[in-house]
């Protein structure tokens, strides 16, 4: 199963550098099975960080093929990776773009982390662009830490609870129709 990432924009009051309150909208990324679950998960995750009320302004499917967190990094970068393939029929080189979200401290480190993430790739690729992402934090289903059994059970229960397709109901009842009454004029 491929992972679906949802970008959720959350609006809340934040204390700025001068000590004043400021209303801000910030994007976060959650791993979820549906929009409804993405909303539930971002509510759950944000309530741990924000004590005041907050509002979810937007949820959309994020266009990331993979997410790569790295130790000792505090920012997220969007890396555009072009996979190169040679089309034997037309004799041309074909590029397929995908986007990775990598954690790093600066653009050079993001480039190095992208190279590290692509290490197992069999084909040729180029990295035409790397830019800092506005994403502040990423909330995956599983972080790889021990003690996530409860989360795994909840994930499997949600995955198994797909709505069943209703079988077509065939009406086999026969109704006796009364003969129409004749109208006398």
C-alpha atoms as a PDB file:
ATOM      1  CA  UNK A   1       0.000   0.000   0.000  1.00  0.00           C
ATOM      2  CA  UNK A   2       1.399   3.374  -0.923  1.00  0.00           C
ATOM      3  CA  UNK A   3       1.303   6.144   1.605  1.00  0.00           C
ATOM      4  CA  UNK A   4      -1.047   9.067   1.030  1.00  0.00           C
ATOM      5  CA  UNK A   5       0.115  12.327   2.564  1.00  0.00           C
ATOM      6  CA  UNK A   6      -2.337  15.136   3.292  1.00  0.00           C
ATOM      7  CA  UNK A   7      -1.266  18.746   3.691  1.00  0.00           C
ATOM      8  CA  UNK A   8      -3.355  20.370   6.417  1.00  0.00           C
ATOM      9  CA  UNK A   9      -3.364  24.114   6.999  1.00  0.00           C
ATOM     10  CA  UNK A  10      -4.019  25.020  10.612  1.00  0.00           C
ATOM     11  CA  UNK A  11      -4.955  28.524  11.772  1.00  0.00           C
ATOM     12  CA  UNK A  12      -4.262  29.551  15.369  1.00  0.00           C
ATOM     13  CA  UNK A  13      -2.991  32.355  17.621  1.00  0.00           C
ATOM     14  CA  UNK A  14       0.739  32.410  18.087  1.00  0.00           C
ATOM     15  CA  UNK A  15       2.965  34.562  20.292  1.00  0.00           C
ATOM     16  CA  UNK A  16       5.543  36.338  18.110  1.00  0.00           C
ATOM     17  CA  UNK A  17       9.063  37.543  18.968  1.00  0.00           C
ATOM     18  CA  UNK A  18       7.798  40.796  20.520  1.00  0.00           C
ATOM     19  CA  UNK A  19       5.412  38.950  22.845  1.00  0.00           C
ATOM     20  CA  UNK A  20       2.255  39.975  20.986  1.00  0.00           C
ATOM     21  CA  UNK A  21      -0.340  37.559  19.715  1.00  0.00           C
ATOM     22  CA  UNK A  22      -0.631  37.009  16.001  1.00  0.00           C
ATOM     23  CA  UNK A  23      -3.041  34.834  14.017  1.00  0.00           C
ATOM     24  CA  UNK A  24      -1.118  32.539  11.684  1.00  0.00           C
ATOM     25  CA  UNK A  25      -1.889  29.725   9.262  1.00  0.00           C
ATOM     26  CA  UNK A  26       0.741  27.009   8.978  1.00  0.00           C
ATOM     27  CA  UNK A  27       0.908  23.808   6.888  1.00  0.00           C
ATOM     28  CA  UNK A  28       1.519  20.360   8.374  1.00  0.00           C
ATOM     29  CA  UNK A  29       1.696  16.937   6.740  1.00  0.00           C
ATOM     30  CA  UNK A  30      -0.169  13.848   7.992  1.00  0.00           C
ATOM     31  CA  UNK A  31      -0.261  10.285   6.762  1.00  0.00           C
ATOM     32  CA  UNK A  32      -3.876   9.122   6.499  1.00  0.00           C
ATOM     33  CA  UNK A  33      -6.256   6.864   4.592  1.00  0.00           C
ATOM     34  CA  UNK A  34      -8.859   9.534   3.797  1.00  0.00           C
ATOM     35  CA  UNK A  35      -9.645  13.232   4.169  1.00  0.00           C
ATOM     36  CA  UNK A  36     -11.828  12.466   7.191  1.00  0.00           C
ATOM     37  CA  UNK A  37      -9.051  10.586   8.909  1.00  0.00           C
ATOM     38  CA  UNK A  38      -6.553  13.333   7.999  1.00  0.00           C
ATOM     39  CA  UNK A  39      -8.817  15.826   9.781  1.00  0.00           C
ATOM     40  CA  UNK A  40      -9.071  13.582  12.844  1.00  0.00           C
ATOM     41  CA  UNK A  41      -5.303  12.998  12.945  1.00  0.00           C
ATOM     42  CA  UNK A  42      -4.356  16.673  12.561  1.00  0.00           C
ATOM     43  CA  UNK A  43      -6.833  17.573  15.337  1.00  0.00           C
ATOM     44  CA  UNK A  44      -5.257  14.917  17.555  1.00  0.00           C
ATOM     45  CA  UNK A  45      -1.672  15.950  16.771  1.00  0.00           C
ATOM     46  CA  UNK A  46      -2.226  19.705  17.059  1.00  0.00           C
ATOM     47  CA  UNK A  47      -4.141  19.493  20.343  1.00  0.00           C
ATOM     48  CA  UNK A  48      -0.910  18.177  21.889  1.00  0.00           C
ATOM     49  CA  UNK A  49       0.980  21.329  20.759  1.00  0.00           C
ATOM     50  CA  UNK A  50      -1.617  24.109  20.868  1.00  0.00           C
ATOM     51  CA  UNK A  51      -3.469  24.779  24.113  1.00  0.00           C
ATOM     52  CA  UNK A  52      -5.835  27.383  22.642  1.00  0.00           C
ATOM     53  CA  UNK A  53      -8.388  26.769  19.946  1.00  0.00           C
ATOM     54  CA  UNK A  54      -7.321  26.243  16.356  1.00  0.00           C
ATOM     55  CA  UNK A  55      -9.113  25.808  13.072  1.00  0.00           C
ATOM     56  CA  UNK A  56      -8.326  23.557  10.127  1.00  0.00           C
ATOM     57  CA  UNK A  57      -8.524  25.796   7.075  1.00  0.00           C
ATOM     58  CA  UNK A  58      -7.664  23.380   4.257  1.00  0.00           C
ATOM     59  CA  UNK A  59      -6.812  19.740   3.614  1.00  0.00           C
ATOM     60  CA  UNK A  60      -5.405  18.564   0.295  1.00  0.00           C
ATOM     61  CA  UNK A  61      -3.513  15.571  -1.018  1.00  0.00           C
ATOM     62  CA  UNK A  62       0.207  16.369  -1.061  1.00  0.00           C
ATOM     63  CA  UNK A  63       2.256  15.483  -4.119  1.00  0.00           C
ATOM     64  CA  UNK A  64       5.153  13.734  -2.376  1.00  0.00           C
ATOM     65  CA  UNK A  65       6.393  10.331  -3.490  1.00  0.00           C
ATOM     66  CA  UNK A  66       8.516   9.872  -0.359  1.00  0.00           C
ATOM     67  CA  UNK A  67       9.269  11.583   2.945  1.00  0.00           C
ATOM     68  CA  UNK A  68      12.802  11.357   4.379  1.00  0.00           C
ATOM     69  CA  UNK A  69      13.403  12.651   7.913  1.00  0.00           C
ATOM     70  CA  UNK A  70      17.034  13.059   9.006  1.00  0.00           C
ATOM     71  CA  UNK A  71      18.520  13.454  12.475  1.00  0.00           C
ATOM     72  CA  UNK A  72      19.615  16.905  13.684  1.00  0.00           C
ATOM     73  CA  UNK A  73      17.688  18.773  10.981  1.00  0.00           C
ATOM     74  CA  UNK A  74      14.945  21.304  11.618  1.00  0.00           C
ATOM     75  CA  UNK A  75      13.570  22.341   8.206  1.00  0.00           C
ATOM     76  CA  UNK A  76      11.870  20.511   5.354  1.00  0.00           C
ATOM     77  CA  UNK A  77      12.933  20.830   1.714  1.00  0.00           C
ATOM     78  CA  UNK A  78      11.066  19.834  -1.439  1.00  0.00           C
ATOM     79  CA  UNK A  79      13.397  18.025  -3.862  1.00  0.00           C
ATOM     80  CA  UNK A  80      12.351  17.593  -7.463  1.00  0.00           C
ATOM     81  CA  UNK A  81      13.897  14.399  -8.826  1.00  0.00           C
ATOM     82  CA  UNK A  82      13.739  13.592 -12.548  1.00  0.00           C
ATOM     83  CA  UNK A  83      14.009   9.892 -13.289  1.00  0.00           C
ATOM     84  CA  UNK A  84      15.555   9.284 -16.695  1.00  0.00           C
ATOM     85  CA  UNK A  85      14.423   6.458 -18.952  1.00  0.00           C
ATOM     86  CA  UNK A  86      15.334   5.679 -22.538  1.00  0.00           C
ATOM     87  CA  UNK A  87      12.331   4.966 -24.779  1.00  0.00           C
ATOM     88  CA  UNK A  88      13.548   2.361 -27.274  1.00  0.00           C
ATOM     89  CA  UNK A  89      10.593   2.821 -29.653  1.00  0.00           C
ATOM     90  CA  UNK A  90      11.032   6.543 -30.204  1.00  0.00           C
ATOM     91  CA  UNK A  91      14.755   6.632 -29.422  1.00  0.00           C
ATOM     92  CA  UNK A  92      14.269   9.533 -27.028  1.00  0.00           C
ATOM     93  CA  UNK A  93      15.124  10.042 -23.411  1.00  0.00           C
ATOM     94  CA  UNK A  94      12.033  10.412 -21.199  1.00  0.00           C
ATOM     95  CA  UNK A  95      11.915  12.182 -17.827  1.00  0.00           C
ATOM     96  CA  UNK A  96       9.459  11.419 -15.063  1.00  0.00           C
ATOM     97  CA  UNK A  97       9.363  13.890 -12.195  1.00  0.00           C
ATOM     98  CA  UNK A  98       8.684  13.034  -8.574  1.00  0.00           C
ATOM     99  CA  UNK A  99       8.945  15.082  -5.406  1.00  0.00           C
ATOM    100  CA  UNK A 100      10.656  14.095  -2.176  1.00  0.00           C
ATOM    101  CA  UNK A 101      10.341  15.897   1.132  1.00  0.00           C
ATOM    102  CA  UNK A 102      13.700  15.744   2.897  1.00  0.00           C
ATOM    103  CA  UNK A 103      14.712  17.170   6.237  1.00  0.00           C
ATOM    104  CA  UNK A 104      17.868  19.286   6.372  1.00  0.00           C
ATOM    105  CA  UNK A 105      19.348  22.484   7.790  1.00  0.00           C
ATOM    106  CA  UNK A 106      20.203  24.154   4.464  1.00  0.00           C
ATOM    107  CA  UNK A 107      19.949  23.604   0.698  1.00  0.00           C
ATOM    108  CA  UNK A 108      23.352  21.904   0.392  1.00  0.00           C
ATOM    109  CA  UNK A 109      22.465  19.445   3.144  1.00  0.00           C
ATOM    110  CA  UNK A 110      19.057  18.880   1.468  1.00  0.00           C
ATOM    111  CA  UNK A 111      20.900  18.036  -1.776  1.00  0.00           C
ATOM    112  CA  UNK A 112      23.173  15.579   0.078  1.00  0.00           C
ATOM    113  CA  UNK A 113      20.172  14.043   1.874  1.00  0.00           C
ATOM    114  CA  UNK A 114      18.333  13.664  -1.450  1.00  0.00           C
ATOM    115  CA  UNK A 115      21.359  11.853  -2.911  1.00  0.00           C
ATOM    116  CA  UNK A 116      21.385   9.641   0.196  1.00  0.00           C
ATOM    117  CA  UNK A 117      17.646   8.907  -0.164  1.00  0.00           C
ATOM    118  CA  UNK A 118      18.085   7.979  -3.839  1.00  0.00           C
ATOM    119  CA  UNK A 119      21.073   5.687  -3.181  1.00  0.00           C
ATOM    120  CA  UNK A 120      19.189   2.440  -3.891  1.00  0.00           C
ATOM    121  CA  UNK A 121      17.750   3.681  -7.196  1.00  0.00           C
ATOM    122  CA  UNK A 122      18.651   1.472 -10.139  1.00  0.00           C
ATOM    123  CA  UNK A 123      18.071   4.034 -12.896  1.00  0.00           C
ATOM    124  CA  UNK A 124      19.608   7.372 -13.722  1.00  0.00           C
ATOM    125  CA  UNK A 125      18.186  10.538 -12.211  1.00  0.00           C
ATOM    126  CA  UNK A 126      18.863  14.244 -11.897  1.00  0.00           C
ATOM    127  CA  UNK A 127      17.915  16.749  -9.209  1.00  0.00           C
ATOM    128  CA  UNK A 128      16.782  19.871 -11.101  1.00  0.00           C
ATOM    129  CA  UNK A 129      15.374  21.774  -8.103  1.00  0.00           C
ATOM    130  CA  UNK A 130      15.439  21.957  -4.329  1.00  0.00           C
ATOM    131  CA  UNK A 131      13.457  24.559  -2.413  1.00  0.00           C
ATOM    132  CA  UNK A 132      12.541  25.106   1.199  1.00  0.00           C
ATOM    133  CA  UNK A 133       9.066  23.821   1.968  1.00  0.00           C
ATOM    134  CA  UNK A 134       6.596  25.737   4.143  1.00  0.00           C
ATOM    135  CA  UNK A 135       5.744  22.428   5.911  1.00  0.00           C
ATOM    136  CA  UNK A 136       6.496  22.822   9.624  1.00  0.00           C
ATOM    137  CA  UNK A 137       6.120  19.234  10.766  1.00  0.00           C
ATOM    138  CA  UNK A 138       5.291  15.769   9.453  1.00  0.00           C
ATOM    139  CA  UNK A 139       3.119  13.277  11.335  1.00  0.00           C
ATOM    140  CA  UNK A 140       3.548   9.761   9.920  1.00  0.00           C
ATOM    141  CA  UNK A 141       1.444   6.817  11.070  1.00  0.00           C
ATOM    142  CA  UNK A 142       4.521   4.993  12.226  1.00  0.00           C
ATOM    143  CA  UNK A 143       7.818   6.569  13.212  1.00  0.00           C
ATOM    144  CA  UNK A 144       9.667   3.261  13.497  1.00  0.00           C
ATOM    145  CA  UNK A 145       9.832   3.473  17.284  1.00  0.00           C
ATOM    146  CA  UNK A 146       8.912   0.623  19.586  1.00  0.00           C
ATOM    147  CA  UNK A 147       5.597   0.674  21.388  1.00  0.00           C
ATOM    148  CA  UNK A 148       3.474   1.560  18.364  1.00  0.00           C
ATOM    149  CA  UNK A 149       1.369  -1.591  18.617  1.00  0.00           C
ATOM    150  CA  UNK A 150      -1.766   0.360  19.527  1.00  0.00           C
ATOM    151  CA  UNK A 151      -1.304   2.649  16.519  1.00  0.00           C
ATOM    152  CA  UNK A 152      -0.763  -0.359  14.237  1.00  0.00           C
ATOM    153  CA  UNK A 153      -3.955  -2.009  15.499  1.00  0.00           C
ATOM    154  CA  UNK A 154      -5.938   1.201  14.924  1.00  0.00           C
ATOM    155  CA  UNK A 155      -4.465   1.526  11.407  1.00  0.00           C
ATOM    156  CA  UNK A 156      -5.353  -2.073  10.509  1.00  0.00           C
ATOM    157  CA  UNK A 157      -8.885  -1.645  11.888  1.00  0.00           C
ATOM    158  CA  UNK A 158      -9.409   1.510   9.789  1.00  0.00           C
ATOM    159  CA  UNK A 159      -7.992  -0.157   6.703  1.00  0.00           C
ATOM    160  CA  UNK A 160     -10.280  -3.181   7.183  1.00  0.00           C
ATOM    161  CA  UNK A 161     -13.372  -1.004   7.698  1.00  0.00           C
ATOM    162  CA  UNK A 162     -13.746  -0.070   4.054  1.00  0.00           C
ATOM    163  CA  UNK A 163     -17.410   0.316   3.167  1.00  0.00           C
ATOM    164  CA  UNK A 164     -18.767  -2.838   1.622  1.00  0.00           C
ATOM    165  CA  UNK A 165     -20.286  -2.596  -1.824  1.00  0.00           C
ATOM    166  CA  UNK A 166     -23.979  -3.313  -1.501  1.00  0.00           C
ATOM    167  CA  UNK A 167     -25.097  -6.274  -3.567  1.00  0.00           C
ATOM    168  CA  UNK A 168     -27.744  -5.513  -6.134  1.00  0.00           C
ATOM    169  CA  UNK A 169     -31.169  -6.346  -4.785  1.00  0.00           C
ATOM    170  CA  UNK A 170     -33.324  -8.271  -7.197  1.00  0.00           C
ATOM    171  CA  UNK A 171     -37.066  -7.904  -6.684  1.00  0.00           C
ATOM    172  CA  UNK A 172     -38.668 -11.308  -7.218  1.00  0.00           C
ATOM    173  CA  UNK A 173     -42.123 -10.445  -5.875  1.00  0.00           C
ATOM    174  CA  UNK A 174     -45.023 -10.540  -8.259  1.00  0.00           C
ATOM    175  CA  UNK A 175     -47.979  -8.293  -7.754  1.00  0.00           C
ATOM    176  CA  UNK A 176     -51.422  -9.034  -8.988  1.00  0.00           C
ATOM    177  CA  UNK A 177     -52.818  -6.057 -10.767  1.00  0.00           C
ATOM    178  CA  UNK A 178     -56.514  -5.285 -10.653  1.00  0.00           C
ATOM    179  CA  UNK A 179     -58.237  -4.837 -13.993  1.00  0.00           C
ATOM    180  CA  UNK A 180     -58.803  -1.228 -14.830  1.00  0.00           C
ATOM    181  CA  UNK A 181     -62.329  -0.006 -14.302  1.00  0.00           C
ATOM    182  CA  UNK A 182     -64.236   1.031 -17.337  1.00  0.00           C
ATOM    183  CA  UNK A 183     -65.347   4.585 -17.410  1.00  0.00           C
ATOM    184  CA  UNK A 184     -69.034   5.010 -18.403  1.00  0.00           C
ATOM    185  CA  UNK A 185     -69.926   8.237 -20.037  1.00  0.00           C
END
